Amino acid sequence: MLSSYLNITVAAEWAAFIAAIILLDKPTGRWRLFKIITLVTILLDAAGWYLSYSRLLYYNALPYNFLLLITVVLFISLLGGATPGMKKHSRWLMALFSLGWLLNFIFLQGMDAYNSYTEIAGNILLAGMSCFLFYALLVQEQYINLLRYEYAWLAIGLLLSAMGSMVLYLFLDYLQNYYNVTGIPLYAYINYTVNVFLYSCLIIAFVCRRKNTRPA
């Protein structure tokens, strides 16, 4: 029974949650929200798996749609606050994304289906903000060691995760046909790789955030 739940993504989620508990204390500021986000992600995955496995509920997309809204808004806030000249614009982006989420949730894909349109829009938005963050860091006069900068690791994780997720959506039919012919779950392998990379970058970002909020 549990073998259908336990996978690499679940292990990565637990690793990120434990790292957040250990590393993100009061001086790390808003980054402490990752304790809640990672825990909620774990609980939702477990609940979704159980409901699907036990067939108690056919549709379990509703909580994931709300989690999508919360996580994207949080990432926009963090990236916007770290990018010179982006703080004010990030507020508009959060409002615009929230409005798009609401319209899709009510009128387009609805609450019974996972709002993939919203996820794609969020991925494009986060990828663009991540690229703009790196551009702003490269053109500024002040030197920043990117390997020790938490927002750089956050941007790397979000950028490659967004690109990987968009590849999965764009080639979903091909990957499904490939699985039907060969029996190789290429979609699952790519999804695992994307998630492990994202959570690995988050853990490194947690370490950097803790070190950078300590007195020199």
C-alpha atoms as a PDB file:
ATOM      1  CA  MET A   1       0.000   0.000   0.000  1.00  0.00           C
ATOM      2  CA  LEU A   2       2.638   2.528   1.051  1.00  0.00           C
ATOM      3  CA  SER A   3       4.837   1.574  -1.886  1.00  0.00           C
ATOM      4  CA  SER A   4       2.452   3.467  -4.172  1.00  0.00           C
ATOM      5  CA  TYR A   5       2.899   6.599  -2.039  1.00  0.00           C
ATOM      6  CA  LEU A   6       6.608   6.593  -1.309  1.00  0.00           C
ATOM      7  CA  ASN A   7       8.707   7.967  -4.150  1.00  0.00           C
ATOM      8  CA  ILE A   8      11.637  10.292  -4.773  1.00  0.00           C
ATOM      9  CA  THR A   9       9.467  13.413  -4.775  1.00  0.00           C
ATOM     10  CA  VAL A  10       7.988  12.572  -1.366  1.00  0.00           C
ATOM     11  CA  ALA A  11      11.490  12.009   0.023  1.00  0.00           C
ATOM     12  CA  ALA A  12      12.599  15.385  -1.367  1.00  0.00           C
ATOM     13  CA  GLU A  13       9.571  17.098   0.192  1.00  0.00           C
ATOM     14  CA  TRP A  14      10.338  15.601   3.599  1.00  0.00           C
ATOM     15  CA  ALA A  15      14.004  16.581   3.298  1.00  0.00           C
ATOM     16  CA  ALA A  16      13.018  20.185   2.525  1.00  0.00           C
ATOM     17  CA  PHE A  17      10.543  20.258   5.411  1.00  0.00           C
ATOM     18  CA  ILE A  18      13.104  18.945   7.910  1.00  0.00           C
ATOM     19  CA  ALA A  19      15.695  21.415   6.603  1.00  0.00           C
ATOM     20  CA  ALA A  20      13.196  24.266   6.976  1.00  0.00           C
ATOM     21  CA  ILE A  21      12.427  23.267  10.572  1.00  0.00           C
ATOM     22  CA  ILE A  22      16.112  23.128  11.483  1.00  0.00           C
ATOM     23  CA  LEU A  23      17.449  26.122   9.548  1.00  0.00           C
ATOM     24  CA  LEU A  24      14.694  28.731   9.274  1.00  0.00           C
ATOM     25  CA  ASP A  25      14.375  30.508  12.599  1.00  0.00           C
ATOM     26  CA  LYS A  26      13.165  34.003  13.513  1.00  0.00           C
ATOM     27  CA  PRO A  27      16.112  35.962  12.015  1.00  0.00           C
ATOM     28  CA  THR A  28      15.405  34.418   8.598  1.00  0.00           C
ATOM     29  CA  GLY A  29      12.172  36.441   8.365  1.00  0.00           C
ATOM     30  CA  ARG A  30       9.543  35.508   5.791  1.00  0.00           C
ATOM     31  CA  TRP A  31      11.520  32.441   4.814  1.00  0.00           C
ATOM     32  CA  ARG A  32       9.981  30.751   7.852  1.00  0.00           C
ATOM     33  CA  LEU A  33       6.813  30.425   5.764  1.00  0.00           C
ATOM     34  CA  PHE A  34       8.537  27.535   4.016  1.00  0.00           C
ATOM     35  CA  LYS A  35       7.941  25.495   7.167  1.00  0.00           C
ATOM     36  CA  ILE A  36       4.212  25.807   6.574  1.00  0.00           C
ATOM     37  CA  ILE A  37       4.365  25.491   2.786  1.00  0.00           C
ATOM     38  CA  THR A  38       6.451  22.307   2.811  1.00  0.00           C
ATOM     39  CA  LEU A  39       4.320  20.745   5.549  1.00  0.00           C
ATOM     40  CA  VAL A  40       1.084  21.560   3.720  1.00  0.00           C
ATOM     41  CA  THR A  41       2.562  20.124   0.513  1.00  0.00           C
ATOM     42  CA  ILE A  42       3.408  16.866   2.294  1.00  0.00           C
ATOM     43  CA  LEU A  43      -0.043  16.629   3.879  1.00  0.00           C
ATOM     44  CA  LEU A  44      -1.824  17.367   0.599  1.00  0.00           C
ATOM     45  CA  ASP A  45       0.206  14.778  -1.283  1.00  0.00           C
ATOM     46  CA  ALA A  46      -0.540  12.194   1.401  1.00  0.00           C
ATOM     47  CA  ALA A  47      -4.243  13.083   1.471  1.00  0.00           C
ATOM     48  CA  GLY A  48      -4.495  13.079  -2.318  1.00  0.00           C
ATOM     49  CA  TRP A  49      -2.787   9.704  -2.531  1.00  0.00           C
ATOM     50  CA  TYR A  50      -5.029   8.206   0.160  1.00  0.00           C
ATOM     51  CA  LEU A  51      -8.244   9.533  -1.362  1.00  0.00           C
ATOM     52  CA  SER A  52      -7.229   8.243  -4.777  1.00  0.00           C
ATOM     53  CA  TYR A  53      -6.010   4.889  -3.444  1.00  0.00           C
ATOM     54  CA  SER A  54      -9.111   4.281  -1.340  1.00  0.00           C
ATOM     55  CA  ARG A  55     -11.392   5.732  -4.062  1.00  0.00           C
ATOM     56  CA  LEU A  56     -13.130   7.922  -1.484  1.00  0.00           C
ATOM     57  CA  LEU A  57     -12.951  10.929  -3.776  1.00  0.00           C
ATOM     58  CA  TYR A  58     -12.580  10.983  -7.537  1.00  0.00           C
ATOM     59  CA  TYR A  59     -11.488  14.627  -7.746  1.00  0.00           C
ATOM     60  CA  ASN A  60      -8.801  15.834  -5.354  1.00  0.00           C
ATOM     61  CA  ALA A  61      -7.600  18.907  -7.263  1.00  0.00           C
ATOM     62  CA  LEU A  62      -9.251  21.546  -5.074  1.00  0.00           C
ATOM     63  CA  PRO A  63      -6.583  21.795  -2.326  1.00  0.00           C
ATOM     64  CA  TYR A  64      -3.793  21.686  -4.917  1.00  0.00           C
ATOM     65  CA  ASN A  65      -5.305  24.668  -6.726  1.00  0.00           C
ATOM     66  CA  PHE A  66      -5.190  26.700  -3.513  1.00  0.00           C
ATOM     67  CA  LEU A  67      -1.642  25.514  -2.795  1.00  0.00           C
ATOM     68  CA  LEU A  68      -0.663  26.652  -6.297  1.00  0.00           C
ATOM     69  CA  LEU A  69      -1.962  30.155  -5.558  1.00  0.00           C
ATOM     70  CA  ILE A  70      -0.178  30.367  -2.204  1.00  0.00           C
ATOM     71  CA  THR A  71       3.201  29.107  -3.420  1.00  0.00           C
ATOM     72  CA  VAL A  72       3.356  31.244  -6.562  1.00  0.00           C
ATOM     73  CA  VAL A  73       2.366  34.392  -4.643  1.00  0.00           C
ATOM     74  CA  LEU A  74       5.039  33.608  -2.024  1.00  0.00           C
ATOM     75  CA  PHE A  75       7.714  33.094  -4.679  1.00  0.00           C
ATOM     76  CA  ILE A  76       6.728  36.325  -6.452  1.00  0.00           C
ATOM     77  CA  SER A  77       6.995  38.172  -3.144  1.00  0.00           C
ATOM     78  CA  LEU A  78      10.432  36.729  -2.339  1.00  0.00           C
ATOM     79  CA  LEU A  79      11.898  37.285  -5.813  1.00  0.00           C
ATOM     80  CA  GLY A  80      10.379  40.755  -6.085  1.00  0.00           C
ATOM     81  CA  GLY A  81      11.751  41.793  -2.719  1.00  0.00           C
ATOM     82  CA  ALA A  82      15.252  40.643  -3.663  1.00  0.00           C
ATOM     83  CA  THR A  83      15.357  42.233  -7.125  1.00  0.00           C
ATOM     84  CA  PRO A  84      16.310  45.931  -7.315  1.00  0.00           C
ATOM     85  CA  GLY A  85      13.403  47.987  -8.613  1.00  0.00           C
ATOM     86  CA  MET A  86      10.968  45.059  -8.619  1.00  0.00           C
ATOM     87  CA  LYS A  87       9.317  45.359  -5.201  1.00  0.00           C
ATOM     88  CA  LYS A  88       6.488  47.655  -6.318  1.00  0.00           C
ATOM     89  CA  HIS A  89       5.973  45.741  -9.554  1.00  0.00           C
ATOM     90  CA  SER A  90       5.821  42.434  -7.684  1.00  0.00           C
ATOM     91  CA  ARG A  91       2.706  43.606  -5.857  1.00  0.00           C
ATOM     92  CA  TRP A  92       0.964  44.157  -9.174  1.00  0.00           C
ATOM     93  CA  LEU A  93       2.169  40.782 -10.399  1.00  0.00           C
ATOM     94  CA  MET A  94       0.775  39.081  -7.292  1.00  0.00           C
ATOM     95  CA  ALA A  95      -2.569  40.821  -7.791  1.00  0.00           C
ATOM     96  CA  LEU A  96      -2.623  39.979 -11.510  1.00  0.00           C
ATOM     97  CA  PHE A  97      -1.763  36.327 -10.908  1.00  0.00           C
ATOM     98  CA  SER A  98      -4.374  36.062  -8.155  1.00  0.00           C
ATOM     99  CA  LEU A  99      -6.993  37.509 -10.499  1.00  0.00           C
ATOM    100  CA  GLY A 100      -6.025  35.068 -13.238  1.00  0.00           C
ATOM    101  CA  TRP A 101      -6.162  32.207 -10.735  1.00  0.00           C
ATOM    102  CA  LEU A 102      -9.660  33.249  -9.665  1.00  0.00           C
ATOM    103  CA  LEU A 103     -10.974  33.556 -13.229  1.00  0.00           C
ATOM    104  CA  ASN A 104      -9.593  30.158 -14.205  1.00  0.00           C
ATOM    105  CA  PHE A 105     -10.834  28.588 -10.972  1.00  0.00           C
ATOM    106  CA  ILE A 106     -14.398  29.855 -11.469  1.00  0.00           C
ATOM    107  CA  PHE A 107     -14.980  30.142 -15.220  1.00  0.00           C
ATOM    108  CA  LEU A 108     -12.469  28.024 -17.167  1.00  0.00           C
ATOM    109  CA  GLN A 109     -11.017  24.804 -15.774  1.00  0.00           C
ATOM    110  CA  GLY A 110     -13.059  25.012 -12.586  1.00  0.00           C
ATOM    111  CA  MET A 111     -12.533  23.661  -9.095  1.00  0.00           C
ATOM    112  CA  ASP A 112     -12.884  19.961  -9.937  1.00  0.00           C
ATOM    113  CA  ALA A 113      -9.856  19.911 -12.248  1.00  0.00           C
ATOM    114  CA  TYR A 114      -6.279  20.864 -11.560  1.00  0.00           C
ATOM    115  CA  ASN A 115      -5.780  24.366 -12.954  1.00  0.00           C
ATOM    116  CA  SER A 116      -2.911  23.612 -15.320  1.00  0.00           C
ATOM    117  CA  TYR A 117      -3.403  26.892 -17.216  1.00  0.00           C
ATOM    118  CA  THR A 118      -2.706  28.759 -14.000  1.00  0.00           C
ATOM    119  CA  GLU A 119       0.370  26.656 -13.305  1.00  0.00           C
ATOM    120  CA  ILE A 120       1.745  27.341 -16.779  1.00  0.00           C
ATOM    121  CA  ALA A 121       1.155  31.077 -16.315  1.00  0.00           C
ATOM    122  CA  GLY A 122       2.820  30.928 -12.903  1.00  0.00           C
ATOM    123  CA  ASN A 123       5.803  29.035 -14.317  1.00  0.00           C
ATOM    124  CA  ILE A 124       6.280  31.605 -17.081  1.00  0.00           C
ATOM    125  CA  LEU A 125       6.014  34.434 -14.564  1.00  0.00           C
ATOM    126  CA  LEU A 126       8.491  32.887 -12.110  1.00  0.00           C
ATOM    127  CA  ALA A 127      10.926  31.980 -14.882  1.00  0.00           C
ATOM    128  CA  GLY A 128      10.852  35.567 -16.135  1.00  0.00           C
ATOM    129  CA  MET A 129      11.361  36.990 -12.650  1.00  0.00           C
ATOM    130  CA  SER A 130      14.239  34.574 -12.003  1.00  0.00           C
ATOM    131  CA  CYS A 131      15.987  35.664 -15.199  1.00  0.00           C
ATOM    132  CA  PHE A 132      15.440  39.324 -14.331  1.00  0.00           C
ATOM    133  CA  LEU A 133      16.925  38.734 -10.866  1.00  0.00           C
ATOM    134  CA  PHE A 134      20.105  37.306 -12.375  1.00  0.00           C
ATOM    135  CA  TYR A 135      20.294  40.199 -14.837  1.00  0.00           C
ATOM    136  CA  ALA A 136      19.915  42.729 -12.009  1.00  0.00           C
ATOM    137  CA  LEU A 137      22.621  40.995  -9.976  1.00  0.00           C
ATOM    138  CA  LEU A 138      25.040  40.922 -12.900  1.00  0.00           C
ATOM    139  CA  VAL A 139      24.690  44.595 -13.857  1.00  0.00           C
ATOM    140  CA  GLN A 140      24.859  46.067 -10.366  1.00  0.00           C
ATOM    141  CA  GLU A 141      28.170  47.426  -9.098  1.00  0.00           C
ATOM    142  CA  GLN A 142      28.084  45.666  -5.733  1.00  0.00           C
ATOM    143  CA  TYR A 143      29.668  42.208  -5.781  1.00  0.00           C
ATOM    144  CA  ILE A 144      27.541  39.313  -4.547  1.00  0.00           C
ATOM    145  CA  ASN A 145      28.785  35.743  -4.237  1.00  0.00           C
ATOM    146  CA  LEU A 146      25.969  33.925  -6.018  1.00  0.00           C
ATOM    147  CA  LEU A 147      26.977  30.564  -4.569  1.00  0.00           C
ATOM    148  CA  ARG A 148      26.260  31.918  -1.089  1.00  0.00           C
ATOM    149  CA  TYR A 149      23.217  34.013  -1.989  1.00  0.00           C
ATOM    150  CA  GLU A 150      19.907  32.405  -1.029  1.00  0.00           C
ATOM    151  CA  TYR A 151      17.868  34.216  -3.665  1.00  0.00           C
ATOM    152  CA  ALA A 152      20.182  33.000  -6.419  1.00  0.00           C
ATOM    153  CA  TRP A 153      19.544  29.387  -5.410  1.00  0.00           C
ATOM    154  CA  LEU A 154      15.831  30.081  -5.142  1.00  0.00           C
ATOM    155  CA  ALA A 155      15.840  31.570  -8.652  1.00  0.00           C
ATOM    156  CA  ILE A 156      17.849  28.650 -10.077  1.00  0.00           C
ATOM    157  CA  GLY A 157      15.426  26.135  -8.597  1.00  0.00           C
ATOM    158  CA  LEU A 158      12.348  28.008  -9.784  1.00  0.00           C
ATOM    159  CA  LEU A 159      13.737  28.663 -13.265  1.00  0.00           C
ATOM    160  CA  LEU A 160      14.673  25.067 -14.050  1.00  0.00           C
ATOM    161  CA  SER A 161      11.573  23.717 -12.311  1.00  0.00           C
ATOM    162  CA  ALA A 162       9.373  26.015 -14.399  1.00  0.00           C
ATOM    163  CA  MET A 163      11.135  24.997 -17.608  1.00  0.00           C
ATOM    164  CA  GLY A 164      10.823  21.313 -16.740  1.00  0.00           C
ATOM    165  CA  SER A 165       7.138  21.621 -15.897  1.00  0.00           C
ATOM    166  CA  MET A 166       6.409  23.420 -19.168  1.00  0.00           C
ATOM    167  CA  VAL A 167       8.198  20.672 -21.103  1.00  0.00           C
ATOM    168  CA  LEU A 168       5.969  18.095 -19.402  1.00  0.00           C
ATOM    169  CA  TYR A 169       2.815  19.969 -20.383  1.00  0.00           C
ATOM    170  CA  LEU A 170       3.942  20.675 -23.949  1.00  0.00           C
ATOM    171  CA  PHE A 171       4.922  17.061 -24.634  1.00  0.00           C
ATOM    172  CA  LEU A 172       2.308  15.360 -22.465  1.00  0.00           C
ATOM    173  CA  ASP A 173       0.675  13.475 -25.349  1.00  0.00           C
ATOM    174  CA  TYR A 174       4.027  12.342 -26.717  1.00  0.00           C
ATOM    175  CA  LEU A 175       5.188  11.141 -23.301  1.00  0.00           C
ATOM    176  CA  GLN A 176       1.919   9.254 -22.807  1.00  0.00           C
ATOM    177  CA  ASN A 177       2.233   7.590 -26.218  1.00  0.00           C
ATOM    178  CA  TYR A 178       5.861   6.746 -25.478  1.00  0.00           C
ATOM    179  CA  TYR A 179       4.768   5.047 -22.261  1.00  0.00           C
ATOM    180  CA  ASN A 180       2.017   3.125 -24.060  1.00  0.00           C
ATOM    181  CA  VAL A 181       4.513   1.790 -26.604  1.00  0.00           C
ATOM    182  CA  THR A 182       7.586   1.156 -24.446  1.00  0.00           C
ATOM    183  CA  GLY A 183       6.198   0.899 -20.923  1.00  0.00           C
ATOM    184  CA  ILE A 184       8.841   3.392 -19.754  1.00  0.00           C
ATOM    185  CA  PRO A 185       7.296   6.130 -17.535  1.00  0.00           C
ATOM    186  CA  LEU A 186       9.414   8.929 -18.948  1.00  0.00           C
ATOM    187  CA  TYR A 187       6.943  11.530 -17.663  1.00  0.00           C
ATOM    188  CA  ALA A 188       7.418  10.287 -14.103  1.00  0.00           C
ATOM    189  CA  TYR A 189      11.210  10.277 -14.426  1.00  0.00           C
ATOM    190  CA  ILE A 190      11.280  13.867 -15.686  1.00  0.00           C
ATOM    191  CA  ASN A 191       8.818  14.940 -12.998  1.00  0.00           C
ATOM    192  CA  TYR A 192      10.924  13.313 -10.271  1.00  0.00           C
ATOM    193  CA  THR A 193      14.071  14.997 -11.599  1.00  0.00           C
ATOM    194  CA  VAL A 194      12.407  18.419 -11.696  1.00  0.00           C
ATOM    195  CA  ASN A 195      11.051  18.095  -8.155  1.00  0.00           C
ATOM    196  CA  VAL A 196      14.296  16.780  -6.674  1.00  0.00           C
ATOM    197  CA  PHE A 197      16.234  19.623  -8.278  1.00  0.00           C
ATOM    198  CA  LEU A 198      13.776  22.228  -6.975  1.00  0.00           C
ATOM    199  CA  TYR A 199      13.815  20.932  -3.403  1.00  0.00           C
ATOM    200  CA  SER A 200      17.604  20.530  -3.472  1.00  0.00           C
ATOM    201  CA  CYS A 201      17.956  24.182  -4.474  1.00  0.00           C
ATOM    202  CA  LEU A 202      15.506  25.175  -1.733  1.00  0.00           C
ATOM    203  CA  ILE A 203      17.537  23.319   0.890  1.00  0.00           C
ATOM    204  CA  ILE A 204      20.735  25.043  -0.257  1.00  0.00           C
ATOM    205  CA  ALA A 205      18.847  28.360  -0.163  1.00  0.00           C
ATOM    206  CA  PHE A 206      17.748  27.614   3.421  1.00  0.00           C
ATOM    207  CA  VAL A 207      21.375  27.023   4.421  1.00  0.00           C
ATOM    208  CA  CYS A 208      22.489  30.265   2.766  1.00  0.00           C
ATOM    209  CA  ARG A 209      19.614  32.213   4.325  1.00  0.00           C
ATOM    210  CA  ARG A 210      20.551  31.036   7.800  1.00  0.00           C
ATOM    211  CA  LYS A 211      24.236  31.886   7.320  1.00  0.00           C
ATOM    212  CA  ASN A 212      23.475  35.290   5.800  1.00  0.00           C
ATOM    213  CA  THR A 213      21.203  36.286   8.685  1.00  0.00           C
ATOM    214  CA  ARG A 214      23.873  35.602  11.284  1.00  0.00           C
ATOM    215  CA  PRO A 215      26.314  38.248  12.555  1.00  0.00           C
ATOM    216  CA  ALA A 216      29.635  38.176  10.732  1.00  0.00           C
END
